[in-house]
């Protein structure tokens, strides 16, 4: 059985209320009594109850985190950033994956509210205003990371997807490509549109027309979505000499499909990704991509949440909106080369 305050009180020869006050740092308790109680608690290996503490403080010391997929390396690095800040501040995490399904997100939001998490960090999902209104009933503050839904939340972290896509496309143009296609993710929403916009911007700046058939949105952002896209491009009368992919996972699928069709990457067709997940450097060939500051996205989102949870902070829930935009960098590897 778990050791309780009453067990400590019996051995220390004091009341359980004295034990409670001593362990919570009440200065009204004599120092020698505090020392005796702390020693007994240590000897008994007493572990304070987070539930009981939460009833007194109206805080659960837990944060909810919603991601699109737990098995995606992109989110694991964001989660590490959130975890490092949260752990240092004494918070634990409840993590759930929505798979970008509206009904799933609804049930997760309800579960987070029922668990009375102190705050919710939402990572790259279609988390809508209606979900935010649902959480308002529980008075739970929200910070979003690259939220895909139309409309915005007061506290958000974004990556500059437009600029990143511009840099990737410009790299291909600089090495001589003109027939460049864009492989998007139809489930991504805002992010794929920002990256497509950057692609179109650079092609227009180079005075190159983009045939309608050179823009294709795969069914998801997984390798299979890239395979579907590559098969589509391979079926065109004139295949592109380079394919700009929505993310690294799709790019890996594209490379696989091209190689299965006996095309060489990059000799016959160059391929780029986006995110720079760990696997990107070990693809065959290693993938040219755009490195998002994934850890920093999570770290800064968690810091923003900590400020919101501090009632003395100017970033508390009733403060002015705050939005930060972070930038990454182009990483050139062996999946891109001049066109044949």
Protein backbone atom coordinates (compact mmCIF):
# COMPACT_ATOMS: atom_id res chain seq x y z
CA UNK A 1 0.00 0.00 0.00
CA UNK A 2 1.05 3.57 -0.67
CA UNK A 3 2.39 5.54 2.28
CA UNK A 4 0.02 8.32 3.40
CA UNK A 5 0.37 11.50 5.41
CA UNK A 6 -1.34 9.73 8.32
CA UNK A 7 1.42 7.08 8.34
CA UNK A 8 4.05 9.80 8.57
CA UNK A 9 2.09 11.61 11.31
CA UNK A 10 1.84 8.46 13.44
CA UNK A 11 5.60 7.82 13.37
CA UNK A 12 6.56 11.49 13.75
CA UNK A 13 4.14 11.97 16.67
CA UNK A 14 2.28 14.91 15.11
CA UNK A 15 -1.10 15.50 13.50
CA UNK A 16 -1.60 14.78 9.81
CA UNK A 17 -2.38 18.47 9.24
CA UNK A 18 1.04 19.36 10.68
CA UNK A 19 2.65 16.89 8.25
CA UNK A 20 0.75 18.43 5.35
CA UNK A 21 1.81 21.96 6.28
CA UNK A 22 5.43 20.91 6.88
CA UNK A 23 5.76 19.15 3.52
CA UNK A 24 4.20 22.11 1.71
CA UNK A 25 6.78 24.53 3.14
CA UNK A 26 4.60 26.30 5.72
CA UNK A 27 6.93 28.54 7.74
CA UNK A 28 4.69 28.34 10.82
CA UNK A 29 6.02 24.85 11.56
CA UNK A 30 9.17 24.73 13.70
CA UNK A 31 12.30 23.86 11.69
CA UNK A 32 13.15 20.87 13.89
CA UNK A 33 9.62 19.49 13.41
CA UNK A 34 9.91 19.97 9.64
CA UNK A 35 13.27 18.16 9.64
CA UNK A 36 11.83 15.24 11.62
CA UNK A 37 8.81 14.93 9.34
CA UNK A 38 10.95 15.13 6.19
CA UNK A 39 13.23 12.39 7.52
CA UNK A 40 10.29 10.11 8.28
CA UNK A 41 8.83 10.79 4.82
CA UNK A 42 12.17 9.91 3.23
CA UNK A 43 12.52 6.74 5.31
CA UNK A 44 9.03 5.61 4.30
CA UNK A 45 9.68 6.56 0.64
CA UNK A 46 6.61 8.77 0.66
CA UNK A 47 5.39 9.93 -2.77
CA UNK A 48 3.02 12.96 -2.74
CA UNK A 49 -0.31 12.47 -4.51
CA UNK A 50 -0.57 14.58 -7.63
CA UNK A 51 -4.36 14.20 -7.52
CA UNK A 52 -4.57 15.49 -3.97
CA UNK A 53 -2.23 18.35 -4.75
CA UNK A 54 -4.33 19.21 -7.78
CA UNK A 55 -7.49 19.43 -5.68
CA UNK A 56 -5.81 22.05 -3.51
CA UNK A 57 -4.13 24.06 -6.27
CA UNK A 58 -6.76 23.62 -9.02
CA UNK A 59 -3.87 22.46 -11.21
CA UNK A 60 -3.24 18.97 -12.57
CA UNK A 61 0.41 19.71 -13.44
CA UNK A 62 -0.29 18.03 -16.77
CA UNK A 63 -0.31 19.35 -20.33
CA UNK A 64 -2.22 17.84 -23.21
CA UNK A 65 -0.50 17.52 -26.60
CA UNK A 66 -2.33 16.62 -29.82
CA UNK A 67 -0.29 15.57 -32.87
CA UNK A 68 -1.40 14.25 -36.25
CA UNK A 69 0.57 11.01 -35.95
CA UNK A 70 2.75 9.64 -33.16
CA UNK A 71 4.80 7.45 -35.53
CA UNK A 72 5.98 10.45 -37.58
CA UNK A 73 9.57 11.55 -36.82
CA UNK A 74 8.61 15.15 -37.46
CA UNK A 75 6.35 15.14 -34.43
CA UNK A 76 8.73 13.16 -32.23
CA UNK A 77 11.28 15.97 -32.44
CA UNK A 78 8.63 18.59 -31.65
CA UNK A 79 7.52 16.48 -28.68
CA UNK A 80 11.08 16.37 -27.37
CA UNK A 81 11.18 20.16 -27.29
CA UNK A 82 7.84 20.29 -25.43
CA UNK A 83 8.96 17.57 -23.02
CA UNK A 84 12.21 19.32 -22.08
CA UNK A 85 10.43 22.54 -21.11
CA UNK A 86 7.51 20.78 -19.40
CA UNK A 87 9.66 18.42 -17.36
CA UNK A 88 11.79 21.26 -16.04
CA UNK A 89 8.62 23.11 -15.02
CA UNK A 90 7.23 20.03 -13.23
CA UNK A 91 4.57 19.10 -15.80
CA UNK A 92 3.79 15.71 -17.28
CA UNK A 93 2.35 15.20 -20.76
CA UNK A 94 -0.78 13.50 -22.09
CA UNK A 95 -0.13 12.86 -25.80
CA UNK A 96 -2.80 11.83 -28.33
CA UNK A 97 -2.81 11.41 -32.11
CA UNK A 98 -5.74 12.70 -34.16
CA UNK A 99 -4.78 11.26 -37.58
CA UNK A 100 -6.37 14.47 -38.87
CA UNK A 101 -9.85 13.05 -38.23
CA UNK A 102 -12.38 15.61 -37.03
CA UNK A 103 -14.39 13.20 -34.87
CA UNK A 104 -11.21 11.81 -33.35
CA UNK A 105 -10.09 15.33 -32.46
CA UNK A 106 -13.47 15.99 -30.86
CA UNK A 107 -13.17 12.96 -28.59
CA UNK A 108 -9.56 13.86 -27.71
CA UNK A 109 -10.57 17.41 -26.81
CA UNK A 110 -13.35 16.04 -24.59
CA UNK A 111 -10.92 13.63 -22.90
CA UNK A 112 -8.37 16.40 -22.31
CA UNK A 113 -11.08 18.56 -20.76
CA UNK A 114 -12.29 15.77 -18.51
CA UNK A 115 -8.73 15.12 -17.36
CA UNK A 116 -8.46 18.83 -16.53
CA UNK A 117 -5.12 19.33 -18.23
CA UNK A 118 -3.71 22.76 -17.38
CA UNK A 119 -3.03 23.61 -21.01
CA UNK A 120 -3.18 22.12 -24.51
CA UNK A 121 -0.51 22.28 -27.23
CA UNK A 122 -1.81 21.35 -30.68
CA UNK A 123 0.72 20.28 -33.33
CA UNK A 124 -0.08 20.58 -37.05
CA UNK A 125 -3.66 19.36 -37.14
CA UNK A 126 -6.94 20.75 -38.50
CA UNK A 127 -7.79 21.93 -34.98
CA UNK A 128 -10.69 24.30 -35.55
CA UNK A 129 -12.27 27.19 -33.67
CA UNK A 130 -15.13 24.88 -32.63
CA UNK A 131 -12.60 22.72 -30.74
CA UNK A 132 -11.26 25.84 -29.07
CA UNK A 133 -14.76 26.82 -27.99
CA UNK A 134 -15.23 23.34 -26.56
CA UNK A 135 -12.07 23.80 -24.46
CA UNK A 136 -13.18 27.23 -23.30
CA UNK A 137 -15.86 25.47 -21.26
CA UNK A 138 -13.03 23.94 -19.25
CA UNK A 139 -11.00 27.18 -19.19
CA UNK A 140 -8.01 25.44 -20.81
CA UNK A 141 -5.51 27.71 -22.63
CA UNK A 142 -4.27 26.64 -26.09
CA UNK A 143 -1.03 27.06 -28.01
CA UNK A 144 -0.95 25.82 -31.61
CA UNK A 145 2.01 24.75 -33.77
CA UNK A 146 1.50 25.06 -37.55
CA UNK A 147 -2.26 24.75 -37.20
CA UNK A 148 -3.89 23.74 -40.49
CA UNK A 149 -7.45 24.96 -39.94
CA UNK A 150 -8.74 28.29 -41.28
CA UNK A 151 -8.91 30.97 -38.64
CA UNK A 152 -6.38 31.35 -35.88
CA UNK A 153 -5.76 31.05 -32.18
CA UNK A 154 -4.37 33.78 -29.98
CA UNK A 155 -1.10 31.99 -29.24
CA UNK A 156 0.60 30.21 -32.15
CA UNK A 157 3.98 29.08 -33.46
CA UNK A 158 4.51 28.71 -37.21
CA UNK A 159 7.31 27.75 -39.53
CA UNK A 160 7.91 29.93 -42.60
CA UNK A 161 6.81 27.33 -45.14
CA UNK A 162 6.58 29.82 -47.98
CA UNK A 163 10.20 30.90 -47.66
CA UNK A 164 11.37 27.31 -47.24
CA UNK A 165 9.62 26.19 -50.41
CA UNK A 166 11.02 29.19 -52.28
CA UNK A 167 14.56 28.17 -51.32
CA UNK A 168 14.05 24.54 -52.35
CA UNK A 169 12.61 25.55 -55.74
CA UNK A 170 15.30 28.16 -56.30
CA UNK A 171 17.97 25.49 -55.70
CA UNK A 172 16.50 23.36 -58.51
CA UNK A 173 16.27 26.37 -60.82
CA UNK A 174 19.85 27.35 -60.06
CA UNK A 175 21.17 23.95 -61.17
CA UNK A 176 19.26 24.17 -64.44
CA UNK A 177 15.85 22.54 -63.99
CA UNK A 178 12.84 23.94 -65.85
CA UNK A 179 10.35 21.05 -65.86
CA UNK A 180 9.68 20.98 -62.12
CA UNK A 181 6.59 19.39 -60.54
CA UNK A 182 5.04 19.83 -57.11
CA UNK A 183 3.89 16.79 -55.09
CA UNK A 184 1.51 17.99 -52.36
CA UNK A 185 -0.47 16.40 -49.55
CA UNK A 186 -4.22 16.80 -49.89
CA UNK A 187 -4.73 16.23 -46.14
CA UNK A 188 -2.36 18.95 -45.00
CA UNK A 189 -4.37 22.06 -45.86
CA UNK A 190 -2.66 25.30 -44.95
CA UNK A 191 0.93 24.00 -44.97
CA UNK A 192 0.82 22.38 -48.41
CA UNK A 193 -0.82 25.50 -49.82
CA UNK A 194 1.95 27.70 -48.39
CA UNK A 195 4.61 25.43 -49.86
CA UNK A 196 2.81 25.33 -53.21
CA UNK A 197 2.63 29.13 -53.12
CA UNK A 198 6.41 29.33 -52.60
CA UNK A 199 6.95 26.90 -55.49
CA UNK A 200 4.71 28.95 -57.80
CA UNK A 201 6.39 32.19 -56.74
CA UNK A 202 9.88 31.01 -57.72
CA UNK A 203 8.71 29.47 -60.99
CA UNK A 204 6.98 32.72 -61.88
CA UNK A 205 10.09 34.72 -60.93
CA UNK A 206 12.04 32.49 -63.35
CA UNK A 207 9.35 33.16 -66.02
CA UNK A 208 8.53 29.47 -66.25
CA UNK A 209 4.97 28.26 -66.76
CA UNK A 210 3.71 25.39 -64.61
CA UNK A 211 1.52 22.94 -66.56
CA UNK A 212 -1.61 22.05 -64.58
CA UNK A 213 -0.60 18.38 -64.63
CA UNK A 214 2.67 19.23 -62.85
CA UNK A 215 0.83 19.90 -59.58
CA UNK A 216 -0.49 16.77 -57.88
CA UNK A 217 -1.71 16.22 -54.32
CA UNK A 218 -1.22 12.73 -52.94
CA UNK A 219 -3.70 11.09 -50.54
CA UNK A 220 -1.51 11.60 -47.45
CA UNK A 221 1.94 12.68 -46.32
CA UNK A 222 3.28 9.15 -45.90
CA UNK A 223 5.68 7.30 -48.25
CA UNK A 224 2.70 5.66 -49.96
CA UNK A 225 1.36 9.12 -50.79
CA UNK A 226 4.67 9.78 -52.52
CA UNK A 227 4.44 6.49 -54.43
CA UNK A 228 0.99 7.48 -55.70
CA UNK A 229 2.34 10.85 -56.84
CA UNK A 230 5.36 9.36 -58.59
CA UNK A 231 3.17 6.89 -60.46
CA UNK A 232 1.00 9.79 -61.59
CA UNK A 233 4.01 11.77 -62.90
CA UNK A 234 5.42 8.68 -64.59
CA UNK A 235 2.18 8.40 -66.54
CA UNK A 236 2.52 11.87 -68.09
CA UNK A 237 3.61 12.24 -71.73
CA UNK A 238 6.64 14.24 -70.54
CA UNK A 239 7.79 13.48 -67.01
CA UNK A 240 9.34 16.29 -64.93
CA UNK A 241 13.09 16.46 -64.44
CA UNK A 242 12.58 17.37 -60.76
CA UNK A 243 9.85 16.82 -58.15
CA UNK A 244 9.39 19.09 -55.12
CA UNK A 245 7.74 17.01 -52.41
CA UNK A 246 5.57 18.23 -49.55
CA UNK A 247 7.74 16.43 -46.96
CA UNK A 248 10.57 13.92 -46.57
CA UNK A 249 8.28 10.93 -46.08
CA UNK A 250 6.60 11.54 -49.44
CA UNK A 251 9.99 12.18 -51.08
CA UNK A 252 11.24 8.78 -49.88
CA UNK A 253 8.15 7.20 -51.47
CA UNK A 254 8.75 9.12 -54.71
CA UNK A 255 12.38 7.97 -54.88
CA UNK A 256 11.33 4.37 -54.29
CA UNK A 257 8.72 4.48 -57.08
CA UNK A 258 11.10 6.14 -59.55
CA UNK A 259 13.78 3.54 -58.87
CA UNK A 260 11.23 0.75 -59.26
CA UNK A 261 10.52 2.20 -62.72
CA UNK A 262 14.26 1.97 -63.54
CA UNK A 263 14.82 5.72 -63.30
CA UNK A 264 17.90 7.02 -61.54
CA UNK A 265 17.75 9.69 -58.83
CA UNK A 266 19.11 12.29 -59.41
CA UNK A 267 20.51 11.50 -62.89
CA UNK A 268 17.07 11.08 -64.51
CA UNK A 269 14.94 12.99 -62.00
CA UNK A 270 15.87 15.08 -58.96
CA UNK A 271 13.75 14.85 -55.79
CA UNK A 272 13.50 17.20 -52.80
CA UNK A 273 11.81 16.82 -49.44
CA UNK A 274 10.87 19.10 -46.57
CA UNK A 275 11.42 18.81 -42.76
CA UNK A 276 14.85 17.07 -42.65
CA UNK A 277 13.79 14.13 -40.49
CA UNK A 278 16.60 11.81 -39.36
CA UNK A 279 15.89 9.31 -42.16
CA UNK A 280 16.47 11.98 -44.82
CA UNK A 281 20.26 11.78 -44.48
CA UNK A 282 20.14 7.98 -44.83
CA UNK A 283 17.82 7.72 -47.84
CA UNK A 284 19.23 6.30 -51.06
CA UNK A 285 20.39 8.71 -52.29
CA UNK A 286 20.57 11.08 -49.27
CA UNK A 287 17.76 13.59 -49.58
CA UNK A 288 18.03 17.27 -50.40
CA UNK A 289 15.48 18.89 -48.11
CA UNK A 290 14.58 21.91 -46.00
CA UNK A 291 15.40 21.61 -42.31
CA UNK A 292 12.57 22.80 -40.12
CA UNK A 293 13.56 23.81 -36.56
CA UNK A 294 11.37 21.02 -35.20
CA UNK A 295 12.78 20.86 -31.68
CA UNK A 296 12.65 24.65 -31.42
CA UNK A 297 8.99 24.70 -32.53
CA UNK A 298 8.10 22.44 -29.62
CA UNK A 299 10.42 24.18 -27.16
CA UNK A 300 9.08 27.66 -27.87
CA UNK A 301 5.46 26.47 -27.88
CA UNK A 302 5.96 24.97 -24.42
CA UNK A 303 7.65 28.14 -23.20
CA UNK A 304 4.72 30.16 -24.49
CA UNK A 305 2.37 27.83 -22.60
CA UNK A 306 4.37 28.20 -19.37
CA UNK A 307 4.00 31.96 -19.61
CA UNK A 308 0.26 31.61 -20.18
CA UNK A 309 -0.04 29.43 -17.08
CA UNK A 310 1.83 31.99 -14.96
CA UNK A 311 -0.86 34.36 -13.58
CA UNK A 312 1.74 37.11 -13.09
CA UNK A 313 2.90 36.94 -16.71
CA UNK A 314 1.82 39.38 -19.42
CA UNK A 315 1.22 36.28 -21.55
CA UNK A 316 -1.46 34.89 -19.21
CA UNK A 317 -4.69 33.62 -20.91
CA UNK A 318 -6.35 37.04 -21.04
CA UNK A 319 -3.31 38.77 -22.59
CA UNK A 320 -2.68 40.08 -26.09
CA UNK A 321 -2.35 37.51 -28.92
CA UNK A 322 1.15 36.26 -29.66
CA UNK A 323 2.39 34.60 -32.86
CA UNK A 324 5.95 33.57 -33.66
CA UNK A 325 7.33 32.51 -37.04
CA UNK A 326 10.53 30.44 -37.11
CA UNK A 327 12.83 29.87 -40.09
CA UNK A 328 14.84 26.83 -41.16
CA UNK A 329 17.58 26.22 -43.72
CA UNK A 330 18.15 24.43 -47.02
CA UNK A 331 20.15 21.17 -46.79
CA UNK A 332 21.62 20.05 -50.12
CA UNK A 333 22.43 16.34 -50.47
CA UNK A 334 22.72 13.84 -53.31
CA UNK A 335 19.09 13.56 -54.48
CA UNK A 336 19.43 16.67 -56.66
CA UNK A 337 21.68 17.31 -59.68
CA UNK A 338 21.48 19.19 -63.00
CA UNK A 339 18.82 17.83 -65.38
CA UNK A 340 19.72 15.18 -67.96
